[in-house]
Amino acid sequence: MFQPPTFTGIICSVQQRNTERFILIIPASSRFLPLVRQAMQTLVHEADVKNEAVYDLQLAVMEACNLVAHAYTGQDAVKAISVSALFENGTAHVTIDDGAGSHAGRKVREKIGSRQLPFEGNLALKTTKHLCDAVALSSGITGGLRIELSKHF
């Protein structure tokens, strides 16, 4: 029998003049990615942004989320990912973070850095890089895997 997923995430949304932002923490499962897609659409809703550009942003963020969620296996599996986004002055800035600070996150970054997992060869990263103006990988505060991207509309 089908059991709908239980949402155990946290969302915080703040609206200021000419600025929209949110933070979403979700389980690291593809079942919850539609929440991220909807949050991204809501983020740019007030701006006069063409649907095609919104779709590009949504796809880029989904690919980055998938990379973070599926970069780990077994005991190193990430339990949750955080997505924070800011839309200001026609530019969306999005950060996807595993929040784990795990050994596996450092290994993924090292593989990308040493070209064992080439940035250009990884389809998720390649797609994200193609659809956005800037994409960067870092260790974040916790030492895990963090992907930061921005897209100007």
Protein backbone atom coordinates (compact mmCIF):
# COMPACT_ATOMS: atom_id res chain seq x y z
CA MET A 1 0.00 0.00 0.00
CA PHE A 2 1.32 3.42 -0.95
CA GLN A 3 2.38 5.61 1.93
CA PRO A 4 2.83 9.29 1.07
CA PRO A 5 6.14 10.67 2.31
CA THR A 6 6.06 12.37 5.66
CA PHE A 7 7.53 15.83 5.47
CA THR A 8 9.97 16.33 8.28
CA GLY A 9 11.64 19.41 6.86
CA ILE A 10 11.77 22.99 7.93
CA ILE A 11 11.04 25.97 5.77
CA CYS A 12 11.58 29.58 6.66
CA SER A 13 10.62 32.32 4.25
CA VAL A 14 11.40 36.00 4.62
CA GLN A 15 10.18 38.81 2.41
CA GLN A 16 11.78 42.21 2.43
CA ARG A 17 11.50 45.03 -0.02
CA ASN A 18 12.75 43.79 -3.44
CA THR A 19 14.17 40.69 -1.77
CA GLU A 20 12.82 37.17 -1.38
CA ARG A 21 14.59 34.37 0.47
CA PHE A 22 13.98 30.97 1.95
CA ILE A 23 15.73 28.14 3.75
CA LEU A 24 14.43 24.62 3.25
CA ILE A 25 15.73 21.53 5.05
CA ILE A 26 14.47 18.27 3.61
CA PRO A 27 15.30 14.57 3.86
CA ALA A 28 17.92 13.55 1.30
CA SER A 29 15.44 11.74 -0.92
CA SER A 30 14.28 12.46 -4.43
CA ARG A 31 10.69 12.21 -3.15
CA PHE A 32 11.11 15.63 -1.53
CA LEU A 33 12.66 17.46 -4.48
CA PRO A 34 9.27 18.71 -5.75
CA LEU A 35 9.19 20.86 -2.59
CA VAL A 36 12.44 22.50 -3.68
CA ARG A 37 11.11 23.01 -7.20
CA GLN A 38 7.97 24.69 -5.85
CA ALA A 39 9.99 26.85 -3.46
CA MET A 40 12.18 28.05 -6.35
CA GLN A 41 9.10 28.97 -8.40
CA THR A 42 7.61 30.83 -5.46
CA LEU A 43 10.90 32.66 -4.91
CA VAL A 44 10.83 34.34 -8.31
CA HIS A 45 7.03 34.57 -8.62
CA GLU A 46 6.76 38.30 -7.92
CA ALA A 47 9.46 39.21 -10.43
CA ASP A 48 8.68 39.42 -14.12
CA VAL A 49 10.68 36.29 -15.00
CA LYS A 50 9.87 34.19 -18.07
CA ASN A 51 8.80 30.62 -17.37
CA GLU A 52 11.71 29.19 -19.40
CA ALA A 53 14.20 30.95 -17.14
CA VAL A 54 12.42 29.64 -14.04
CA TYR A 55 12.50 26.11 -15.47
CA ASP A 56 16.23 26.45 -16.09
CA LEU A 57 16.79 27.53 -12.49
CA GLN A 58 14.60 24.72 -11.16
CA LEU A 59 16.44 22.11 -13.23
CA ALA A 60 19.85 23.41 -12.16
CA VAL A 61 18.86 23.31 -8.49
CA MET A 62 17.33 19.82 -8.86
CA GLU A 63 20.53 18.51 -10.44
CA ALA A 64 22.66 20.02 -7.67
CA CYS A 65 20.33 18.58 -5.00
CA ASN A 66 20.52 15.15 -6.63
CA LEU A 67 24.30 15.31 -6.65
CA VAL A 68 24.44 16.15 -2.95
CA ALA A 69 21.77 13.59 -1.99
CA HIS A 70 23.26 10.75 -4.04
CA ALA A 71 26.97 11.41 -3.54
CA TYR A 72 26.98 9.19 -0.50
CA THR A 73 26.20 5.55 0.21
CA GLY A 74 25.86 3.29 3.22
CA GLN A 75 26.93 4.73 6.54
CA ASP A 76 28.05 7.93 4.85
CA ALA A 77 24.53 8.56 3.50
CA VAL A 78 23.31 12.09 4.06
CA LYS A 79 20.14 12.26 6.11
CA ALA A 80 19.10 15.77 5.08
CA ILE A 81 20.08 18.56 2.76
CA SER A 82 19.49 22.26 3.13
CA VAL A 83 18.59 24.58 0.30
CA SER A 84 18.80 28.30 0.90
CA ALA A 85 17.94 30.83 -1.74
CA LEU A 86 17.93 34.58 -2.14
CA PHE A 87 16.36 36.50 -5.02
CA GLU A 88 17.55 40.08 -5.11
CA ASN A 89 17.90 42.65 -7.87
CA GLY A 90 17.08 40.13 -10.58
CA THR A 91 19.56 37.47 -9.45
CA ALA A 92 18.88 34.18 -7.70
CA HIS A 93 21.59 32.88 -5.37
CA VAL A 94 21.11 29.28 -4.21
CA THR A 95 23.15 27.15 -1.82
CA ILE A 96 22.70 23.39 -1.47
CA ASP A 97 24.52 21.88 1.51
CA ASP A 98 24.69 18.35 2.90
CA GLY A 99 25.17 19.79 6.37
CA ALA A 100 26.97 16.63 7.31
CA GLY A 101 30.59 17.58 7.32
CA SER A 102 31.16 13.96 6.49
CA HIS A 103 34.28 12.24 5.30
CA ALA A 104 32.36 11.27 2.15
CA GLY A 105 31.63 14.94 1.35
CA ARG A 106 35.31 15.76 1.53
CA LYS A 107 36.09 12.78 -0.72
CA VAL A 108 33.62 13.95 -3.38
CA ARG A 109 35.15 17.46 -3.36
CA GLU A 110 38.66 15.99 -3.55
CA LYS A 111 37.69 13.80 -6.51
CA ILE A 112 36.27 16.79 -8.36
CA GLY A 113 39.34 18.87 -7.48
CA SER A 114 41.76 16.17 -8.69
CA ARG A 115 39.70 15.56 -11.84
CA GLN A 116 38.90 11.95 -10.79
CA LEU A 117 35.29 13.15 -10.97
CA PRO A 118 35.62 15.96 -13.49
CA PHE A 119 33.38 18.96 -13.00
CA GLU A 120 32.74 19.00 -16.74
CA GLY A 121 32.26 15.21 -16.91
CA ASN A 122 29.63 14.91 -14.22
CA LEU A 123 26.27 15.32 -15.94
CA ALA A 124 24.56 16.94 -12.94
CA LEU A 125 27.35 19.49 -12.54
CA LYS A 126 27.64 20.04 -16.27
CA THR A 127 23.90 20.72 -16.53
CA THR A 128 23.96 23.04 -13.53
CA LYS A 129 26.97 24.93 -14.87
CA HIS A 130 25.33 25.29 -18.30
CA LEU A 131 22.08 26.68 -16.86
CA CYS A 132 23.59 29.09 -14.33
CA ASP A 133 25.89 32.08 -14.48
CA ALA A 134 28.14 30.78 -11.68
CA VAL A 135 28.59 27.44 -9.90
CA ALA A 136 31.06 26.75 -7.08
CA LEU A 137 31.79 23.78 -4.86
CA SER A 138 33.09 24.27 -1.35
CA SER A 139 33.23 22.63 2.03
CA GLY A 140 30.77 24.92 3.75
CA ILE A 141 30.84 25.47 7.48
CA THR A 142 30.67 21.79 8.40
CA GLY A 143 33.27 20.50 5.97
CA GLY A 144 30.74 18.57 3.89
CA LEU A 145 29.71 19.23 0.32
CA ARG A 146 28.24 22.61 -0.59
CA ILE A 147 27.18 23.77 -4.06
CA GLU A 148 26.55 27.47 -4.63
CA LEU A 149 24.98 28.75 -7.81
CA SER A 150 23.64 32.01 -9.15
CA LYS A 151 21.51 32.96 -12.11
CA HIS A 152 20.70 36.45 -13.32
CA PHE A 153 17.32 37.06 -14.94
